[in-house]
Amino acid sequence: MENDVILSTKSWLPVFVYYGISILLFILLYYIKLVVDKKMKRPLFIVYTFIVPIIAALQFGIFYHGYNFLRDILFINYDIDPYDSIMYGALFFALLYCLAMPRNKYVKFV
């Protein structure tokens, strides 16, 4: 009896594209965090503090809703539900993006 091995019938390109975009986005967010922390401008801090949770919420939406979220909210018509690595990668990146939140230097706790 022969043992036939099927490695995968799915394309790996969406996985590489997703992880590449997510890593580049994290690097960009972290760089902006360093700039915001260095400049010490309150309006810039407030705007950036709203942007990071929104991007993390998009990642949580990809994790929780998958294809329906991509199709209805982001208008990307690609089925990512068979890709578990994208689903759990979205959860990982949503939590990782919390590291890109700027430090609050404006409120002093005594």
PDB file of N, CA and C in Angstrom:
ATOM      1  N   MET A   1       0.836  -1.166   0.000  1.00  0.00           N
ATOM      2  CA  MET A   1       0.000   0.000   0.000  1.00  0.00           C
ATOM      3  C   MET A   1       0.890   1.242   0.000  1.00  0.00           C
ATOM      4  N   GLU A   2       0.548   2.183  -0.844  1.00  0.00           N
ATOM      5  CA  GLU A   2       1.324   3.415  -0.938  1.00  0.00           C
ATOM      6  C   GLU A   2       0.729   4.483  -0.035  1.00  0.00           C
ATOM      7  N   ASN A   3       1.599   5.277   0.533  1.00  0.00           N
ATOM      8  CA  ASN A   3       1.160   6.401   1.354  1.00  0.00           C
ATOM      9  C   ASN A   3       1.281   7.678   0.539  1.00  0.00           C
ATOM     10  N   ASP A   4       0.163   8.194   0.084  1.00  0.00           N
ATOM     11  CA  ASP A   4       0.170   9.444  -0.664  1.00  0.00           C
ATOM     12  C   ASP A   4       0.126  10.592   0.326  1.00  0.00           C
ATOM     13  N   VAL A   5       0.973  11.571   0.085  1.00  0.00           N
ATOM     14  CA  VAL A   5       1.046  12.716   0.964  1.00  0.00           C
ATOM     15  C   VAL A   5       0.614  13.944   0.185  1.00  0.00           C
ATOM     16  N   ILE A   6      -0.391  14.605   0.722  1.00  0.00           N
ATOM     17  CA  ILE A   6      -0.828  15.874   0.151  1.00  0.00           C
ATOM     18  C   ILE A   6      -0.449  16.951   1.150  1.00  0.00           C
ATOM     19  N   LEU A   7       0.467  17.801   0.771  1.00  0.00           N
ATOM     20  CA  LEU A   7       0.918  18.829   1.701  1.00  0.00           C
ATOM     21  C   LEU A   7      -0.126  19.923   1.868  1.00  0.00           C
ATOM     22  N   SER A   8      -0.546  20.500   0.782  1.00  0.00           N
ATOM     23  CA  SER A   8      -1.536  21.561   0.874  1.00  0.00           C
ATOM     24  C   SER A   8      -2.115  21.828  -0.506  1.00  0.00           C
ATOM     25  N   THR A   9      -3.389  22.099  -0.521  1.00  0.00           N
ATOM     26  CA  THR A   9      -4.022  22.477  -1.784  1.00  0.00           C
ATOM     27  C   THR A   9      -4.286  23.971  -1.822  1.00  0.00           C
ATOM     28  N   LYS A  10      -4.011  24.659  -0.721  1.00  0.00           N
ATOM     29  CA  LYS A  10      -4.236  26.101  -0.650  1.00  0.00           C
ATOM     30  C   LYS A  10      -2.962  26.843  -1.041  1.00  0.00           C
ATOM     31  N   SER A  11      -3.139  28.030  -1.540  1.00  0.00           N
ATOM     32  CA  SER A  11      -2.014  28.884  -1.867  1.00  0.00           C
ATOM     33  C   SER A  11      -1.469  29.532  -0.592  1.00  0.00           C
ATOM     34  N   TRP A  12      -0.157  29.637  -0.505  1.00  0.00           N
ATOM     35  CA  TRP A  12       0.470  30.267   0.662  1.00  0.00           C
ATOM     36  C   TRP A  12       0.668  31.759   0.468  1.00  0.00           C
ATOM     37  N   LEU A  13       0.403  32.266  -0.718  1.00  0.00           N
ATOM     38  CA  LEU A  13       0.604  33.679  -1.011  1.00  0.00           C
ATOM     39  C   LEU A  13      -0.198  34.613  -0.096  1.00  0.00           C
ATOM     40  N   PRO A  14      -1.488  34.349   0.178  1.00  0.00           N
ATOM     41  CA  PRO A  14      -2.224  35.250   1.089  1.00  0.00           C
ATOM     42  C   PRO A  14      -1.630  35.298   2.489  1.00  0.00           C
ATOM     43  N   VAL A  15      -1.088  34.201   2.952  1.00  0.00           N
ATOM     44  CA  VAL A  15      -0.481  34.177   4.281  1.00  0.00           C
ATOM     45  C   VAL A  15       0.754  35.063   4.312  1.00  0.00           C
ATOM     46  N   PHE A  16       1.607  34.935   3.309  1.00  0.00           N
ATOM     47  CA  PHE A  16       2.820  35.751   3.260  1.00  0.00           C
ATOM     48  C   PHE A  16       2.486  37.231   3.087  1.00  0.00           C
ATOM     49  N   VAL A  17       1.485  37.537   2.275  1.00  0.00           N
ATOM     50  CA  VAL A  17       1.086  38.933   2.078  1.00  0.00           C
ATOM     51  C   VAL A  17       0.524  39.500   3.378  1.00  0.00           C
ATOM     52  N   TYR A  18      -0.335  38.743   4.059  1.00  0.00           N
ATOM     53  CA  TYR A  18      -0.920  39.224   5.309  1.00  0.00           C
ATOM     54  C   TYR A  18       0.154  39.482   6.364  1.00  0.00           C
ATOM     55  N   TYR A  19       1.040  38.517   6.562  1.00  0.00           N
ATOM     56  CA  TYR A  19       2.072  38.691   7.582  1.00  0.00           C
ATOM     57  C   TYR A  19       3.044  39.810   7.206  1.00  0.00           C
ATOM     58  N   GLY A  20       3.356  39.946   5.934  1.00  0.00           N
ATOM     59  CA  GLY A  20       4.243  41.029   5.502  1.00  0.00           C
ATOM     60  C   GLY A  20       3.639  42.395   5.771  1.00  0.00           C
ATOM     61  N   ILE A  21       2.366  42.561   5.418  1.00  0.00           N
ATOM     62  CA  ILE A  21       1.695  43.839   5.655  1.00  0.00           C
ATOM     63  C   ILE A  21       1.567  44.111   7.152  1.00  0.00           C
ATOM     64  N   SER A  22       1.239  43.099   7.934  1.00  0.00           N
ATOM     65  CA  SER A  22       1.065  43.295   9.382  1.00  0.00           C
ATOM     66  C   SER A  22       2.379  43.640  10.066  1.00  0.00           C
ATOM     67  N   ILE A  23       3.465  43.019   9.652  1.00  0.00           N
ATOM     68  CA  ILE A  23       4.773  43.325  10.243  1.00  0.00           C
ATOM     69  C   ILE A  23       5.205  44.736   9.869  1.00  0.00           C
ATOM     70  N   LEU A  24       5.028  45.109   8.598  1.00  0.00           N
ATOM     71  CA  LEU A  24       5.376  46.468   8.182  1.00  0.00           C
ATOM     72  C   LEU A  24       4.516  47.505   8.904  1.00  0.00           C
ATOM     73  N   LEU A  25       3.250  47.202   9.118  1.00  0.00           N
ATOM     74  CA  LEU A  25       2.377  48.119   9.837  1.00  0.00           C
ATOM     75  C   LEU A  25       2.807  48.262  11.292  1.00  0.00           C
ATOM     76  N   PHE A  26       3.221  47.164  11.921  1.00  0.00           N
ATOM     77  CA  PHE A  26       3.703  47.260  13.298  1.00  0.00           C
ATOM     78  C   PHE A  26       4.977  48.093  13.375  1.00  0.00           C
ATOM     79  N   ILE A  27       5.893  47.900  12.444  1.00  0.00           N
ATOM     80  CA  ILE A  27       7.133  48.685  12.435  1.00  0.00           C
ATOM     81  C   ILE A  27       6.811  50.162  12.246  1.00  0.00           C
ATOM     82  N   LEU A  28       5.871  50.473  11.354  1.00  0.00           N
ATOM     83  CA  LEU A  28       5.470  51.860  11.135  1.00  0.00           C
ATOM     84  C   LEU A  28       4.818  52.455  12.385  1.00  0.00           C
ATOM     85  N   LEU A  29       3.926  51.709  13.020  1.00  0.00           N
ATOM     86  CA  LEU A  29       3.276  52.201  14.231  1.00  0.00           C
ATOM     87  C   LEU A  29       4.275  52.414  15.357  1.00  0.00           C
ATOM     88  N   TYR A  30       5.233  51.518  15.491  1.00  0.00           N
ATOM     89  CA  TYR A  30       6.223  51.659  16.551  1.00  0.00           C
ATOM     90  C   TYR A  30       7.135  52.863  16.296  1.00  0.00           C
ATOM     91  N   TYR A  31       7.479  53.083  15.019  1.00  0.00           N
ATOM     92  CA  TYR A  31       8.290  54.260  14.673  1.00  0.00           C
ATOM     93  C   TYR A  31       7.524  55.546  14.979  1.00  0.00           C
ATOM     94  N   ILE A  32       6.246  55.577  14.638  1.00  0.00           N
ATOM     95  CA  ILE A  32       5.433  56.759  14.932  1.00  0.00           C
ATOM     96  C   ILE A  32       5.322  56.954  16.437  1.00  0.00           C
ATOM     97  N   LYS A  33       5.236  55.854  17.189  1.00  0.00           N
ATOM     98  CA  LYS A  33       5.197  55.956  18.652  1.00  0.00           C
ATOM     99  C   LYS A  33       6.456  56.638  19.173  1.00  0.00           C
ATOM    100  N   LEU A  34       7.607  56.265  18.640  1.00  0.00           N
ATOM    101  CA  LEU A  34       8.860  56.895  19.067  1.00  0.00           C
ATOM    102  C   LEU A  34       8.876  58.381  18.737  1.00  0.00           C
ATOM    103  N   VAL A  35       8.356  58.750  17.580  1.00  0.00           N
ATOM    104  CA  VAL A  35       8.287  60.163  17.185  1.00  0.00           C
ATOM    105  C   VAL A  35       7.335  60.922  18.100  1.00  0.00           C
ATOM    106  N   VAL A  36       6.173  60.332  18.396  1.00  0.00           N
ATOM    107  CA  VAL A  36       5.189  60.992  19.271  1.00  0.00           C
ATOM    108  C   VAL A  36       5.772  61.171  20.669  1.00  0.00           C
ATOM    109  N   ASP A  37       6.463  60.157  21.169  1.00  0.00           N
ATOM    110  CA  ASP A  37       7.066  60.271  22.499  1.00  0.00           C
ATOM    111  C   ASP A  37       8.172  61.323  22.536  1.00  0.00           C
ATOM    112  N   LYS A  38       8.885  61.465  21.438  1.00  0.00           N
ATOM    113  CA  LYS A  38       9.985  62.433  21.404  1.00  0.00           C
ATOM    114  C   LYS A  38       9.490  63.872  21.263  1.00  0.00           C
ATOM    115  N   LYS A  39       8.453  64.090  20.452  1.00  0.00           N
ATOM    116  CA  LYS A  39       7.985  65.455  20.177  1.00  0.00           C
ATOM    117  C   LYS A  39       7.246  66.081  21.347  1.00  0.00           C
ATOM    118  N   MET A  40       6.599  65.278  22.154  1.00  0.00           N
ATOM    119  CA  MET A  40       5.860  65.774  23.332  1.00  0.00           C
ATOM    120  C   MET A  40       4.802  66.818  22.968  1.00  0.00           C
ATOM    121  N   LYS A  41       4.005  66.537  21.935  1.00  0.00           N
ATOM    122  CA  LYS A  41       2.908  67.423  21.559  1.00  0.00           C
ATOM    123  C   LYS A  41       1.597  66.723  21.861  1.00  0.00           C
ATOM    124  N   ARG A  42       0.807  67.348  22.675  1.00  0.00           N
ATOM    125  CA  ARG A  42      -0.418  66.728  23.159  1.00  0.00           C
ATOM    126  C   ARG A  42      -1.427  66.395  22.057  1.00  0.00           C
ATOM    127  N   PRO A  43      -1.691  67.283  21.074  1.00  0.00           N
ATOM    128  CA  PRO A  43      -2.647  66.910  20.014  1.00  0.00           C
ATOM    129  C   PRO A  43      -2.185  65.696  19.201  1.00  0.00           C
ATOM    130  N   LEU A  44      -0.895  65.624  18.934  1.00  0.00           N
ATOM    131  CA  LEU A  44      -0.357  64.474  18.218  1.00  0.00           C
ATOM    132  C   LEU A  44      -0.521  63.197  19.042  1.00  0.00           C
ATOM    133  N   PHE A  45      -0.308  63.313  20.344  1.00  0.00           N
ATOM    134  CA  PHE A  45      -0.494  62.185  21.259  1.00  0.00           C
ATOM    135  C   PHE A  45      -1.940  61.706  21.250  1.00  0.00           C
ATOM    136  N   ILE A  46      -2.888  62.637  21.293  1.00  0.00           N
ATOM    137  CA  ILE A  46      -4.301  62.276  21.341  1.00  0.00           C
ATOM    138  C   ILE A  46      -4.738  61.596  20.046  1.00  0.00           C
ATOM    139  N   VAL A  47      -4.346  62.138  18.905  1.00  0.00           N
ATOM    140  CA  VAL A  47      -4.732  61.554  17.618  1.00  0.00           C
ATOM    141  C   VAL A  47      -4.141  60.156  17.469  1.00  0.00           C
ATOM    142  N   TYR A  48      -2.868  60.010  17.807  1.00  0.00           N
ATOM    143  CA  TYR A  48      -2.222  58.715  17.655  1.00  0.00           C
ATOM    144  C   TYR A  48      -2.782  57.691  18.642  1.00  0.00           C
ATOM    145  N   THR A  49      -3.210  58.145  19.813  1.00  0.00           N
ATOM    146  CA  THR A  49      -3.801  57.245  20.790  1.00  0.00           C
ATOM    147  C   THR A  49      -5.145  56.707  20.301  1.00  0.00           C
ATOM    148  N   PHE A  50      -5.839  57.431  19.427  1.00  0.00           N
ATOM    149  CA  PHE A  50      -7.061  56.918  18.831  1.00  0.00           C
ATOM    150  C   PHE A  50      -6.785  55.995  17.652  1.00  0.00           C
ATOM    151  N   ILE A  51      -5.706  56.227  16.928  1.00  0.00           N
ATOM    152  CA  ILE A  51      -5.406  55.450  15.720  1.00  0.00           C
ATOM    153  C   ILE A  51      -5.005  54.014  16.054  1.00  0.00           C
ATOM    154  N   VAL A  52      -4.156  53.820  17.036  1.00  0.00           N
ATOM    155  CA  VAL A  52      -3.646  52.480  17.349  1.00  0.00           C
ATOM    156  C   VAL A  52      -4.755  51.516  17.778  1.00  0.00           C
ATOM    157  N   PRO A  53      -5.665  51.902  18.682  1.00  0.00           N
ATOM    158  CA  PRO A  53      -6.739  50.953  19.016  1.00  0.00           C
ATOM    159  C   PRO A  53      -7.678  50.645  17.854  1.00  0.00           C
ATOM    160  N   ILE A  54      -7.861  51.593  16.945  1.00  0.00           N
ATOM    161  CA  ILE A  54      -8.700  51.332  15.773  1.00  0.00           C
ATOM    162  C   ILE A  54      -8.053  50.261  14.896  1.00  0.00           C
ATOM    163  N   ILE A  55      -6.750  50.358  14.677  1.00  0.00           N
ATOM    164  CA  ILE A  55      -6.051  49.364  13.868  1.00  0.00           C
ATOM    165  C   ILE A  55      -6.044  48.010  14.575  1.00  0.00           C
ATOM    166  N   ALA A  56      -5.876  48.008  15.894  1.00  0.00           N
ATOM    167  CA  ALA A  56      -5.935  46.751  16.641  1.00  0.00           C
ATOM    168  C   ALA A  56      -7.351  46.159  16.576  1.00  0.00           C
ATOM    169  N   ALA A  57      -8.368  47.002  16.584  1.00  0.00           N
ATOM    170  CA  ALA A  57      -9.747  46.515  16.477  1.00  0.00           C
ATOM    171  C   ALA A  57     -10.010  45.893  15.110  1.00  0.00           C
ATOM    172  N   LEU A  58      -9.384  46.432  14.063  1.00  0.00           N
ATOM    173  CA  LEU A  58      -9.501  45.812  12.742  1.00  0.00           C
ATOM    174  C   LEU A  58      -8.914  44.406  12.756  1.00  0.00           C
ATOM    175  N   GLN A  59      -7.789  44.236  13.441  1.00  0.00           N
ATOM    176  CA  GLN A  59      -7.184  42.913  13.541  1.00  0.00           C
ATOM    177  C   GLN A  59      -8.088  41.960  14.342  1.00  0.00           C
ATOM    178  N   PHE A  60      -8.688  42.452  15.425  1.00  0.00           N
ATOM    179  CA  PHE A  60      -9.623  41.623  16.186  1.00  0.00           C
ATOM    180  C   PHE A  60     -10.831  41.251  15.324  1.00  0.00           C
ATOM    181  N   GLY A  61     -11.274  42.164  14.490  1.00  0.00           N
ATOM    182  CA  GLY A  61     -12.388  41.858  13.592  1.00  0.00           C
ATOM    183  C   GLY A  61     -12.031  40.771  12.597  1.00  0.00           C
ATOM    184  N   ILE A  62     -10.807  40.806  12.088  1.00  0.00           N
ATOM    185  CA  ILE A  62     -10.347  39.746  11.188  1.00  0.00           C
ATOM    186  C   ILE A  62     -10.297  38.421  11.929  1.00  0.00           C
ATOM    187  N   PHE A  63      -9.835  38.443  13.173  1.00  0.00           N
ATOM    188  CA  PHE A  63      -9.767  37.205  13.947  1.00  0.00           C
ATOM    189  C   PHE A  63     -11.155  36.653  14.241  1.00  0.00           C
ATOM    190  N   TYR A  64     -12.061  37.491  14.658  1.00  0.00           N
ATOM    191  CA  TYR A  64     -13.355  37.010  15.134  1.00  0.00           C
ATOM    192  C   TYR A  64     -14.328  36.695  13.994  1.00  0.00           C
ATOM    193  N   HIS A  65     -14.370  37.545  12.966  1.00  0.00           N
ATOM    194  CA  HIS A  65     -15.374  37.384  11.917  1.00  0.00           C
ATOM    195  C   HIS A  65     -14.819  36.853  10.608  1.00  0.00           C
ATOM    196  N   GLY A  66     -13.527  36.973  10.358  1.00  0.00           N
ATOM    197  CA  GLY A  66     -12.910  36.391   9.175  1.00  0.00           C
ATOM    198  C   GLY A  66     -13.386  36.997   7.870  1.00  0.00           C
ATOM    199  N   TYR A  67     -13.865  36.124   6.978  1.00  0.00           N
ATOM    200  CA  TYR A  67     -14.228  36.526   5.622  1.00  0.00           C
ATOM    201  C   TYR A  67     -15.351  37.563   5.610  1.00  0.00           C
ATOM    202  N   ASN A  68     -16.331  37.426   6.477  1.00  0.00           N
ATOM    203  CA  ASN A  68     -17.457  38.378   6.496  1.00  0.00           C
ATOM    204  C   ASN A  68     -16.974  39.784   6.844  1.00  0.00           C
ATOM    205  N   PHE A  69     -16.031  39.889   7.753  1.00  0.00           N
ATOM    206  CA  PHE A  69     -15.477  41.196   8.115  1.00  0.00           C
ATOM    207  C   PHE A  69     -14.695  41.794   6.957  1.00  0.00           C
ATOM    208  N   LEU A  70     -13.879  40.980   6.312  1.00  0.00           N
ATOM    209  CA  LEU A  70     -13.111  41.490   5.166  1.00  0.00           C
ATOM    210  C   LEU A  70     -14.032  41.943   4.042  1.00  0.00           C
ATOM    211  N   ARG A  71     -15.066  41.164   3.768  1.00  0.00           N
ATOM    212  CA  ARG A  71     -15.965  41.491   2.658  1.00  0.00           C
ATOM    213  C   ARG A  71     -16.838  42.703   2.962  1.00  0.00           C
ATOM    214  N   ASP A  72     -17.419  42.759   4.155  1.00  0.00           N
ATOM    215  CA  ASP A  72     -18.406  43.799   4.449  1.00  0.00           C
ATOM    216  C   ASP A  72     -17.798  45.103   4.952  1.00  0.00           C
ATOM    217  N   ILE A  73     -16.724  45.044   5.694  1.00  0.00           N
ATOM    218  CA  ILE A  73     -16.142  46.245   6.298  1.00  0.00           C
ATOM    219  C   ILE A  73     -14.961  46.771   5.493  1.00  0.00           C
ATOM    220  N   LEU A  74     -14.026  45.890   5.149  1.00  0.00           N
ATOM    221  CA  LEU A  74     -12.817  46.323   4.435  1.00  0.00           C
ATOM    222  C   LEU A  74     -12.937  46.206   2.922  1.00  0.00           C
ATOM    223  N   PHE A  75     -14.029  45.619   2.426  1.00  0.00           N
ATOM    224  CA  PHE A  75     -14.298  45.460   0.993  1.00  0.00           C
ATOM    225  C   PHE A  75     -13.189  44.696   0.273  1.00  0.00           C
ATOM    226  N   ILE A  76     -12.689  43.650   0.930  1.00  0.00           N
ATOM    227  CA  ILE A  76     -11.709  42.747   0.323  1.00  0.00           C
ATOM    228  C   ILE A  76     -12.418  41.418   0.135  1.00  0.00           C
ATOM    229  N   ASN A  77     -12.544  40.995  -1.094  1.00  0.00           N
ATOM    230  CA  ASN A  77     -13.307  39.787  -1.385  1.00  0.00           C
ATOM    231  C   ASN A  77     -12.361  38.592  -1.521  1.00  0.00           C
ATOM    232  N   TYR A  78     -11.841  38.132  -0.377  1.00  0.00           N
ATOM    233  CA  TYR A  78     -10.979  36.947  -0.374  1.00  0.00           C
ATOM    234  C   TYR A  78     -11.299  36.125   0.863  1.00  0.00           C
ATOM    235  N   ASP A  79     -11.541  34.853   0.675  1.00  0.00           N
ATOM    236  CA  ASP A  79     -11.945  33.979   1.769  1.00  0.00           C
ATOM    237  C   ASP A  79     -10.717  33.563   2.583  1.00  0.00           C
ATOM    238  N   ILE A  80     -10.613  34.075   3.801  1.00  0.00           N
ATOM    239  CA  ILE A  80      -9.481  33.717   4.663  1.00  0.00           C
ATOM    240  C   ILE A  80      -9.879  32.700   5.724  1.00  0.00           C
ATOM    241  N   ASP A  81     -11.121  32.249   5.718  1.00  0.00           N
ATOM    242  CA  ASP A  81     -11.570  31.312   6.735  1.00  0.00           C
ATOM    243  C   ASP A  81     -10.802  29.983   6.729  1.00  0.00           C
ATOM    244  N   PRO A  82     -10.366  29.458   5.573  1.00  0.00           N
ATOM    245  CA  PRO A  82      -9.586  28.213   5.631  1.00  0.00           C
ATOM    246  C   PRO A  82      -8.160  28.390   6.175  1.00  0.00           C
ATOM    247  N   TYR A  83      -7.702  29.623   6.294  1.00  0.00           N
ATOM    248  CA  TYR A  83      -6.339  29.885   6.745  1.00  0.00           C
ATOM    249  C   TYR A  83      -6.337  30.156   8.248  1.00  0.00           C
ATOM    250  N   ASP A  84      -6.065  29.141   9.028  1.00  0.00           N
ATOM    251  CA  ASP A  84      -5.997  29.328  10.478  1.00  0.00           C
ATOM    252  C   ASP A  84      -4.821  30.209  10.873  1.00  0.00           C
ATOM    253  N   SER A  85      -3.736  30.175  10.096  1.00  0.00           N
ATOM    254  CA  SER A  85      -2.573  30.988  10.437  1.00  0.00           C
ATOM    255  C   SER A  85      -2.876  32.479  10.317  1.00  0.00           C
ATOM    256  N   ILE A  86      -3.754  32.857   9.407  1.00  0.00           N
ATOM    257  CA  ILE A  86      -4.143  34.265   9.303  1.00  0.00           C
ATOM    258  C   ILE A  86      -5.064  34.634  10.461  1.00  0.00           C
ATOM    259  N   MET A  87      -5.951  33.739  10.813  1.00  0.00           N
ATOM    260  CA  MET A  87      -6.895  34.038  11.892  1.00  0.00           C
ATOM    261  C   MET A  87      -6.169  34.235  13.225  1.00  0.00           C
ATOM    262  N   TYR A  88      -5.268  33.320  13.564  1.00  0.00           N
ATOM    263  CA  TYR A  88      -4.554  33.455  14.831  1.00  0.00           C
ATOM    264  C   TYR A  88      -3.442  34.498  14.743  1.00  0.00           C
ATOM    265  N   GLY A  89      -2.939  34.762  13.554  1.00  0.00           N
ATOM    266  CA  GLY A  89      -1.994  35.855  13.367  1.00  0.00           C
ATOM    267  C   GLY A  89      -2.657  37.198  13.619  1.00  0.00           C
ATOM    268  N   ALA A  90      -3.923  37.316  13.253  1.00  0.00           N
ATOM    269  CA  ALA A  90      -4.661  38.556  13.513  1.00  0.00           C
ATOM    270  C   ALA A  90      -4.802  38.804  15.012  1.00  0.00           C
ATOM    271  N   LEU A  91      -5.045  37.756  15.769  1.00  0.00           N
ATOM    272  CA  LEU A  91      -5.116  37.895  17.224  1.00  0.00           C
ATOM    273  C   LEU A  91      -3.759  38.305  17.794  1.00  0.00           C
ATOM    274  N   PHE A  92      -2.699  37.675  17.311  1.00  0.00           N
ATOM    275  CA  PHE A  92      -1.353  38.008  17.775  1.00  0.00           C
ATOM    276  C   PHE A  92      -1.005  39.459  17.458  1.00  0.00           C
ATOM    277  N   PHE A  93      -1.277  39.905  16.243  1.00  0.00           N
ATOM    278  CA  PHE A  93      -0.937  41.275  15.871  1.00  0.00           C
ATOM    279  C   PHE A  93      -1.821  42.297  16.587  1.00  0.00           C
ATOM    280  N   ALA A  94      -3.067  41.960  16.866  1.00  0.00           N
ATOM    281  CA  ALA A  94      -3.921  42.875  17.619  1.00  0.00           C
ATOM    282  C   ALA A  94      -3.350  43.121  19.003  1.00  0.00           C
ATOM    283  N   LEU A  95      -2.845  42.076  19.634  1.00  0.00           N
ATOM    284  CA  LEU A  95      -2.225  42.237  20.945  1.00  0.00           C
ATOM    285  C   LEU A  95      -0.860  42.906  20.842  1.00  0.00           C
ATOM    286  N   LEU A  96      -0.129  42.631  19.769  1.00  0.00           N
ATOM    287  CA  LEU A  96       1.192  43.228  19.582  1.00  0.00           C
ATOM    288  C   LEU A  96       1.100  44.732  19.322  1.00  0.00           C
ATOM    289  N   TYR A  97       0.040  45.156  18.640  1.00  0.00           N
ATOM    290  CA  TYR A  97      -0.108  46.576  18.341  1.00  0.00           C
ATOM    291  C   TYR A  97      -0.297  47.412  19.602  1.00  0.00           C
ATOM    292  N   CYS A  98      -0.686  46.780  20.696  1.00  0.00           N
ATOM    293  CA  CYS A  98      -0.804  47.514  21.964  1.00  0.00           C
ATOM    294  C   CYS A  98       0.554  48.011  22.445  1.00  0.00           C
ATOM    295  N   LEU A  99       1.633  47.390  21.995  1.00  0.00           N
ATOM    296  CA  LEU A  99       2.968  47.871  22.342  1.00  0.00           C
ATOM    297  C   LEU A  99       3.302  49.183  21.636  1.00  0.00           C
ATOM    298  N   ALA A 100       2.548  49.522  20.628  1.00  0.00           N
ATOM    299  CA  ALA A 100       2.802  50.756  19.882  1.00  0.00           C
ATOM    300  C   ALA A 100       2.042  51.947  20.449  1.00  0.00           C
ATOM    301  N   MET A 101       1.388  51.769  21.588  1.00  0.00           N
ATOM    302  CA  MET A 101       0.701  52.895  22.222  1.00  0.00           C
ATOM    303  C   MET A 101       1.729  53.831  22.848  1.00  0.00           C
ATOM    304  N   PRO A 102       1.570  55.134  22.667  1.00  0.00           N
ATOM    305  CA  PRO A 102       2.535  56.075  23.254  1.00  0.00           C
ATOM    306  C   PRO A 102       2.371  56.176  24.768  1.00  0.00           C
ATOM    307  N   ARG A 103       3.435  56.602  25.418  1.00  0.00           N
ATOM    308  CA  ARG A 103       3.390  56.779  26.864  1.00  0.00           C
ATOM    309  C   ARG A 103       2.676  58.078  27.208  1.00  0.00           C
ATOM    310  N   ASN A 104       1.875  58.038  28.242  1.00  0.00           N
ATOM    311  CA  ASN A 104       1.165  59.229  28.687  1.00  0.00           C
ATOM    312  C   ASN A 104       2.070  60.005  29.653  1.00  0.00           C
ATOM    313  N   LYS A 105       2.595  61.117  29.175  1.00  0.00           N
ATOM    314  CA  LYS A 105       3.455  61.966  29.991  1.00  0.00           C
ATOM    315  C   LYS A 105       2.733  63.228  30.456  1.00  0.00           C
ATOM    316  N   TYR A 106       1.434  63.290  30.197  1.00  0.00           N
ATOM    317  CA  TYR A 106       0.696  64.505  30.473  1.00  0.00           C
ATOM    318  C   TYR A 106      -0.074  64.444  31.792  1.00  0.00           C
ATOM    319  N   VAL A 107      -0.418  63.253  32.236  1.00  0.00           N
ATOM    320  CA  VAL A 107      -1.146  63.094  33.502  1.00  0.00           C
ATOM    321  C   VAL A 107      -0.178  62.541  34.534  1.00  0.00           C
ATOM    322  N   LYS A 108      -0.010  63.271  35.588  1.00  0.00           N
ATOM    323  CA  LYS A 108       0.911  62.869  36.672  1.00  0.00           C
ATOM    324  C   LYS A 108       0.110  62.325  37.836  1.00  0.00           C
ATOM    325  N   PHE A 109       0.372  61.094  38.205  1.00  0.00           N
ATOM    326  CA  PHE A 109      -0.274  60.501  39.360  1.00  0.00           C
ATOM    327  C   PHE A 109       0.620  60.681  40.573  1.00  0.00           C
ATOM    328  N   VAL A 110       0.051  61.208  41.642  1.00  0.00           N
ATOM    329  CA  VAL A 110       0.835  61.472  42.849  1.00  0.00           C
ATOM    330  C   VAL A 110       0.633  60.386  43.851  1.00  0.00           C
TER     331      VAL A 110
END
